[in-house]
């Protein structure tokens, strides 16, 4: 999970750099930004899924060991 969070931070920083230095007038830049956003969205969905699994596993652990 820590690796995924680090990856998301890296992708976010990369997207921010592109948006800060580039203009939207160039179609090639727009394509680059769109690709970066799709990659970030995919990684965020993966993070959400993994977090959900981790949360579920933790809840099962609590149920089995506390109750």
PDB file of N, CA and C in Angstrom:
ATOM      1  N   UNK A   1       0.828  -1.193   0.000  1.00  0.00           N
ATOM      2  CA  UNK A   1       0.000   0.000   0.000  1.00  0.00           C
ATOM      3  C   UNK A   1       0.868   1.252   0.000  1.00  0.00           C
ATOM      4  N   UNK A   2       1.971   1.234   0.734  1.00  0.00           N
ATOM      5  CA  UNK A   2       2.869   2.389   0.766  1.00  0.00           C
ATOM      6  C   UNK A   2       3.455   2.683  -0.612  1.00  0.00           C
ATOM      7  N   UNK A   3       3.757   1.600  -1.354  1.00  0.00           N
ATOM      8  CA  UNK A   3       4.312   1.792  -2.697  1.00  0.00           C
ATOM      9  C   UNK A   3       3.281   2.447  -3.602  1.00  0.00           C
ATOM     10  N   UNK A   4       2.035   2.050  -3.455  1.00  0.00           N
ATOM     11  CA  UNK A   4       0.976   2.603  -4.285  1.00  0.00           C
ATOM     12  C   UNK A   4       0.757   4.077  -3.965  1.00  0.00           C
ATOM     13  N   UNK A   5       0.810   4.425  -2.704  1.00  0.00           N
ATOM     14  CA  UNK A   5       0.670   5.826  -2.307  1.00  0.00           C
ATOM     15  C   UNK A   5       1.820   6.646  -2.875  1.00  0.00           C
ATOM     16  N   UNK A   6       3.024   6.100  -2.827  1.00  0.00           N
ATOM     17  CA  UNK A   6       4.178   6.796  -3.399  1.00  0.00           C
ATOM     18  C   UNK A   6       4.001   6.973  -4.906  1.00  0.00           C
ATOM     19  N   UNK A   7       3.474   5.952  -5.573  1.00  0.00           N
ATOM     20  CA  UNK A   7       3.227   6.039  -7.012  1.00  0.00           C
ATOM     21  C   UNK A   7       2.194   7.117  -7.319  1.00  0.00           C
ATOM     22  N   UNK A   8       1.143   7.182  -6.526  1.00  0.00           N
ATOM     23  CA  UNK A   8       0.121   8.207  -6.738  1.00  0.00           C
ATOM     24  C   UNK A   8       0.692   9.603  -6.526  1.00  0.00           C
ATOM     25  N   UNK A   9       1.524   9.755  -5.521  1.00  0.00           N
ATOM     26  CA  UNK A   9       2.160  11.059  -5.287  1.00  0.00           C
ATOM     27  C   UNK A   9       3.028  11.458  -6.473  1.00  0.00           C
ATOM     28  N   UNK A  10       3.777  10.490  -7.005  1.00  0.00           N
ATOM     29  CA  UNK A  10       4.635  10.760  -8.156  1.00  0.00           C
ATOM     30  C   UNK A  10       3.800  11.158  -9.368  1.00  0.00           C
ATOM     31  N   UNK A  11       2.726  10.410  -9.634  1.00  0.00           N
ATOM     32  CA  UNK A  11       1.867  10.712 -10.777  1.00  0.00           C
ATOM     33  C   UNK A  11       1.211  12.086 -10.635  1.00  0.00           C
ATOM     34  N   UNK A  12       0.799  12.406  -9.426  1.00  0.00           N
ATOM     35  CA  UNK A  12       0.192  13.713  -9.169  1.00  0.00           C
ATOM     36  C   UNK A  12       1.195  14.824  -9.426  1.00  0.00           C
ATOM     37  N   UNK A  13       2.411  14.657  -8.940  1.00  0.00           N
ATOM     38  CA  UNK A  13       3.443  15.669  -9.146  1.00  0.00           C
ATOM     39  C   UNK A  13       3.757  15.833 -10.634  1.00  0.00           C
ATOM     40  N   UNK A  14       3.811  14.716 -11.354  1.00  0.00           N
ATOM     41  CA  UNK A  14       4.073  14.764 -12.794  1.00  0.00           C
ATOM     42  C   UNK A  14       2.964  15.525 -13.514  1.00  0.00           C
ATOM     43  N   UNK A  15       1.731  15.243 -13.180  1.00  0.00           N
ATOM     44  CA  UNK A  15       0.599  15.930 -13.807  1.00  0.00           C
ATOM     45  C   UNK A  15       0.633  17.422 -13.486  1.00  0.00           C
ATOM     46  N   UNK A  16       0.941  17.755 -12.254  1.00  0.00           N
ATOM     47  CA  UNK A  16       1.002  19.163 -11.856  1.00  0.00           C
ATOM     48  C   UNK A  16       2.085  19.911 -12.618  1.00  0.00           C
ATOM     49  N   UNK A  17       3.246  19.271 -12.800  1.00  0.00           N
ATOM     50  CA  UNK A  17       4.332  19.905 -13.547  1.00  0.00           C
ATOM     51  C   UNK A  17       3.921  20.166 -14.987  1.00  0.00           C
ATOM     52  N   UNK A  18       3.267  19.184 -15.597  1.00  0.00           N
ATOM     53  CA  UNK A  18       2.822  19.352 -16.985  1.00  0.00           C
ATOM     54  C   UNK A  18       1.839  20.513 -17.084  1.00  0.00           C
ATOM     55  N   UNK A  19       0.897  20.562 -16.159  1.00  0.00           N
ATOM     56  CA  UNK A  19      -0.121  21.613 -16.201  1.00  0.00           C
ATOM     57  C   UNK A  19       0.469  22.989 -15.926  1.00  0.00           C
ATOM     58  N   UNK A  20       1.502  23.065 -15.104  1.00  0.00           N
ATOM     59  CA  UNK A  20       2.102  24.345 -14.773  1.00  0.00           C
ATOM     60  C   UNK A  20       2.948  24.902 -15.915  1.00  0.00           C
ATOM     61  N   UNK A  21       3.628  24.049 -16.661  1.00  0.00           N
ATOM     62  CA  UNK A  21       4.574  24.547 -17.654  1.00  0.00           C
ATOM     63  C   UNK A  21       4.038  24.587 -19.072  1.00  0.00           C
ATOM     64  N   UNK A  22       2.954  23.901 -19.312  1.00  0.00           N
ATOM     65  CA  UNK A  22       2.450  23.786 -20.674  1.00  0.00           C
ATOM     66  C   UNK A  22       1.157  24.581 -20.848  1.00  0.00           C
ATOM     67  N   UNK A  23       0.843  24.845 -22.102  1.00  0.00           N
ATOM     68  CA  UNK A  23      -0.426  25.503 -22.422  1.00  0.00           C
ATOM     69  C   UNK A  23      -1.362  24.484 -23.045  1.00  0.00           C
ATOM     70  N   UNK A  24      -2.635  24.809 -23.058  1.00  0.00           N
ATOM     71  CA  UNK A  24      -3.629  23.904 -23.607  1.00  0.00           C
ATOM     72  C   UNK A  24      -3.819  24.076 -25.116  1.00  0.00           C
ATOM     73  N   UNK A  25      -3.142  25.044 -25.711  1.00  0.00           N
ATOM     74  CA  UNK A  25      -3.349  25.326 -27.127  1.00  0.00           C
ATOM     75  C   UNK A  25      -2.812  24.217 -28.031  1.00  0.00           C
ATOM     76  N   UNK A  26      -1.783  23.544 -27.604  1.00  0.00           N
ATOM     77  CA  UNK A  26      -1.132  22.517 -28.419  1.00  0.00           C
ATOM     78  C   UNK A  26      -1.836  21.174 -28.236  1.00  0.00           C
ATOM     79  N   UNK A  27      -2.361  20.588 -29.326  1.00  0.00           N
ATOM     80  CA  UNK A  27      -3.062  19.293 -29.220  1.00  0.00           C
ATOM     81  C   UNK A  27      -2.164  18.170 -28.682  1.00  0.00           C
ATOM     82  N   UNK A  28      -0.878  18.216 -28.983  1.00  0.00           N
ATOM     83  CA  UNK A  28       0.047  17.197 -28.485  1.00  0.00           C
ATOM     84  C   UNK A  28       0.156  17.274 -26.963  1.00  0.00           C
ATOM     85  N   UNK A  29       0.164  18.477 -26.448  1.00  0.00           N
ATOM     86  CA  UNK A  29       0.226  18.664 -24.990  1.00  0.00           C
ATOM     87  C   UNK A  29      -1.077  18.195 -24.349  1.00  0.00           C
ATOM     88  N   UNK A  30      -2.188  18.490 -25.003  1.00  0.00           N
ATOM     89  CA  UNK A  30      -3.477  18.024 -24.480  1.00  0.00           C
ATOM     90  C   UNK A  30      -3.509  16.499 -24.417  1.00  0.00           C
ATOM     91  N   UNK A  31      -2.964  15.850 -25.427  1.00  0.00           N
ATOM     92  CA  UNK A  31      -2.924  14.386 -25.444  1.00  0.00           C
ATOM     93  C   UNK A  31      -2.048  13.866 -24.300  1.00  0.00           C
ATOM     94  N   UNK A  32      -0.931  14.537 -24.064  1.00  0.00           N
ATOM     95  CA  UNK A  32      -0.028  14.139 -22.983  1.00  0.00           C
ATOM     96  C   UNK A  32      -0.712  14.297 -21.621  1.00  0.00           C
ATOM     97  N   UNK A  33      -1.412  15.394 -21.448  1.00  0.00           N
ATOM     98  CA  UNK A  33      -2.124  15.640 -20.191  1.00  0.00           C
ATOM     99  C   UNK A  33      -3.228  14.605 -19.996  1.00  0.00           C
ATOM    100  N   UNK A  34      -3.966  14.320 -21.061  1.00  0.00           N
ATOM    101  CA  UNK A  34      -5.045  13.333 -20.981  1.00  0.00           C
ATOM    102  C   UNK A  34      -4.502  11.959 -20.597  1.00  0.00           C
ATOM    103  N   UNK A  35      -3.385  11.568 -21.208  1.00  0.00           N
ATOM    104  CA  UNK A  35      -2.768  10.287 -20.868  1.00  0.00           C
ATOM    105  C   UNK A  35      -2.327  10.233 -19.419  1.00  0.00           C
ATOM    106  N   UNK A  36      -1.759  11.326 -18.959  1.00  0.00           N
ATOM    107  CA  UNK A  36      -1.304  11.401 -17.565  1.00  0.00           C
ATOM    108  C   UNK A  36      -2.488  11.294 -16.610  1.00  0.00           C
ATOM    109  N   UNK A  37      -3.592  11.952 -16.938  1.00  0.00           N
ATOM    110  CA  UNK A  37      -4.776  11.910 -16.086  1.00  0.00           C
ATOM    111  C   UNK A  37      -5.405  10.512 -16.079  1.00  0.00           C
ATOM    112  N   UNK A  38      -5.432   9.847 -17.226  1.00  0.00           N
ATOM    113  CA  UNK A  38      -5.973   8.484 -17.284  1.00  0.00           C
ATOM    114  C   UNK A  38      -5.139   7.541 -16.417  1.00  0.00           C
ATOM    115  N   UNK A  39      -3.828   7.682 -16.488  1.00  0.00           N
ATOM    116  CA  UNK A  39      -2.927   6.855 -15.685  1.00  0.00           C
ATOM    117  C   UNK A  39      -3.167   7.110 -14.197  1.00  0.00           C
ATOM    118  N   UNK A  40      -3.283   8.377 -13.834  1.00  0.00           N
ATOM    119  CA  UNK A  40      -3.522   8.735 -12.435  1.00  0.00           C
ATOM    120  C   UNK A  40      -4.869   8.185 -11.967  1.00  0.00           C
ATOM    121  N   UNK A  41      -5.905   8.309 -12.804  1.00  0.00           N
ATOM    122  CA  UNK A  41      -7.235   7.803 -12.452  1.00  0.00           C
ATOM    123  C   UNK A  41      -7.200   6.289 -12.236  1.00  0.00           C
ATOM    124  N   UNK A  42      -6.508   5.582 -13.127  1.00  0.00           N
ATOM    125  CA  UNK A  42      -6.402   4.127 -13.007  1.00  0.00           C
ATOM    126  C   UNK A  42      -5.702   3.741 -11.706  1.00  0.00           C
ATOM    127  N   UNK A  43      -4.620   4.432 -11.381  1.00  0.00           N
ATOM    128  CA  UNK A  43      -3.890   4.137 -10.146  1.00  0.00           C
ATOM    129  C   UNK A  43      -4.716   4.467  -8.908  1.00  0.00           C
ATOM    130  N   UNK A  44      -5.526   5.514  -8.986  1.00  0.00           N
ATOM    131  CA  UNK A  44      -6.370   5.860  -7.845  1.00  0.00           C
ATOM    132  C   UNK A  44      -7.456   4.807  -7.635  1.00  0.00           C
ATOM    133  N   UNK A  45      -8.012   4.288  -8.713  1.00  0.00           N
ATOM    134  CA  UNK A  45      -9.013   3.226  -8.594  1.00  0.00           C
ATOM    135  C   UNK A  45      -8.389   1.990  -7.969  1.00  0.00           C
ATOM    136  N   UNK A  46      -7.181   1.653  -8.400  1.00  0.00           N
ATOM    137  CA  UNK A  46      -6.467   0.510  -7.823  1.00  0.00           C
ATOM    138  C   UNK A  46      -6.227   0.726  -6.334  1.00  0.00           C
ATOM    139  N   UNK A  47      -5.838   1.935  -5.961  1.00  0.00           N
ATOM    140  CA  UNK A  47      -5.605   2.244  -4.548  1.00  0.00           C
ATOM    141  C   UNK A  47      -6.883   2.096  -3.736  1.00  0.00           C
ATOM    142  N   UNK A  48      -7.993   2.588  -4.277  1.00  0.00           N
ATOM    143  CA  UNK A  48      -9.273   2.447  -3.584  1.00  0.00           C
ATOM    144  C   UNK A  48      -9.639   0.981  -3.382  1.00  0.00           C
ATOM    145  N   UNK A  49      -9.442   0.171  -4.420  1.00  0.00           N
ATOM    146  CA  UNK A  49      -9.757  -1.256  -4.313  1.00  0.00           C
ATOM    147  C   UNK A  49      -8.881  -1.936  -3.266  1.00  0.00           C
ATOM    148  N   UNK A  50      -7.593  -1.642  -3.277  1.00  0.00           N
ATOM    149  CA  UNK A  50      -6.684  -2.253  -2.314  1.00  0.00           C
ATOM    150  C   UNK A  50      -6.991  -1.788  -0.899  1.00  0.00           C
ATOM    151  N   UNK A  51      -7.351  -0.521  -0.748  1.00  0.00           N
ATOM    152  CA  UNK A  51      -7.710  -0.023   0.571  1.00  0.00           C
ATOM    153  C   UNK A  51      -8.962  -0.715   1.079  1.00  0.00           C
ATOM    154  N   UNK A  52      -9.936  -0.924   0.196  1.00  0.00           N
ATOM    155  CA  UNK A  52     -11.159  -1.625   0.581  1.00  0.00           C
ATOM    156  C   UNK A  52     -10.871  -3.044   1.055  1.00  0.00           C
ATOM    157  N   UNK A  53      -9.976  -3.734   0.339  1.00  0.00           N
ATOM    158  CA  UNK A  53      -9.591  -5.088   0.738  1.00  0.00           C
ATOM    159  C   UNK A  53      -8.876  -5.076   2.092  1.00  0.00           C
ATOM    160  N   UNK A  54      -8.005  -4.101   2.280  1.00  0.00           N
ATOM    161  CA  UNK A  54      -7.282  -3.983   3.546  1.00  0.00           C
ATOM    162  C   UNK A  54      -8.243  -3.694   4.691  1.00  0.00           C
ATOM    163  N   UNK A  55      -9.189  -2.819   4.433  1.00  0.00           N
ATOM    164  CA  UNK A  55     -10.186  -2.478   5.441  1.00  0.00           C
ATOM    165  C   UNK A  55     -11.032  -3.698   5.803  1.00  0.00           C
ATOM    166  N   UNK A  56     -11.438  -4.450   4.807  1.00  0.00           N
ATOM    167  CA  UNK A  56     -12.236  -5.652   5.042  1.00  0.00           C
ATOM    168  C   UNK A  56     -11.445  -6.688   5.838  1.00  0.00           C
ATOM    169  N   UNK A  57     -10.196  -6.891   5.464  1.00  0.00           N
ATOM    170  CA  UNK A  57      -9.348  -7.852   6.174  1.00  0.00           C
ATOM    171  C   UNK A  57      -9.169  -7.431   7.633  1.00  0.00           C
ATOM    172  N   UNK A  58      -9.007  -6.146   7.869  1.00  0.00           N
ATOM    173  CA  UNK A  58      -8.842  -5.656   9.231  1.00  0.00           C
ATOM    174  C   UNK A  58     -10.127  -5.864  10.036  1.00  0.00           C
ATOM    175  N   UNK A  59     -11.272  -5.591   9.411  1.00  0.00           N
ATOM    176  CA  UNK A  59     -12.548  -5.804  10.106  1.00  0.00           C
ATOM    177  C   UNK A  59     -12.741  -7.273  10.458  1.00  0.00           C
ATOM    178  N   UNK A  60     -12.397  -8.181   9.541  1.00  0.00           N
ATOM    179  CA  UNK A  60     -12.497  -9.611   9.828  1.00  0.00           C
ATOM    180  C   UNK A  60     -11.546 -10.014  10.965  1.00  0.00           C
ATOM    181  N   UNK A  61     -10.360  -9.449  10.962  1.00  0.00           N
ATOM    182  CA  UNK A  61      -9.400  -9.704  12.032  1.00  0.00           C
ATOM    183  C   UNK A  61      -9.991  -9.278  13.376  1.00  0.00           C
ATOM    184  N   UNK A  62     -10.569  -8.104  13.414  1.00  0.00           N
ATOM    185  CA  UNK A  62     -11.159  -7.616  14.665  1.00  0.00           C
ATOM    186  C   UNK A  62     -12.303  -8.513  15.126  1.00  0.00           C
ATOM    187  N   UNK A  63     -13.148  -8.914  14.191  1.00  0.00           N
ATOM    188  CA  UNK A  63     -14.282  -9.769  14.544  1.00  0.00           C
ATOM    189  C   UNK A  63     -13.805 -11.108  15.104  1.00  0.00           C
ATOM    190  N   UNK A  64     -12.803 -11.700  14.476  1.00  0.00           N
ATOM    191  CA  UNK A  64     -12.310 -13.003  14.896  1.00  0.00           C
ATOM    192  C   UNK A  64     -11.543 -12.954  16.215  1.00  0.00           C
ATOM    193  N   UNK A  65     -10.872 -11.852  16.491  1.00  0.00           N
ATOM    194  CA  UNK A  65      -9.989 -11.794  17.660  1.00  0.00           C
ATOM    195  C   UNK A  65     -10.562 -11.019  18.840  1.00  0.00           C
ATOM    196  N   UNK A  66     -11.586 -10.253  18.642  1.00  0.00           N
ATOM    197  CA  UNK A  66     -12.129  -9.470  19.745  1.00  0.00           C
ATOM    198  C   UNK A  66     -13.449 -10.051  20.217  1.00  0.00           C
ATOM    199  N   UNK A  67     -14.222 -10.562  19.327  1.00  0.00           N
ATOM    200  CA  UNK A  67     -15.552 -11.065  19.710  1.00  0.00           C
ATOM    201  C   UNK A  67     -15.488 -12.495  20.145  1.00  0.00           C
TER     202      UNK A  67
END
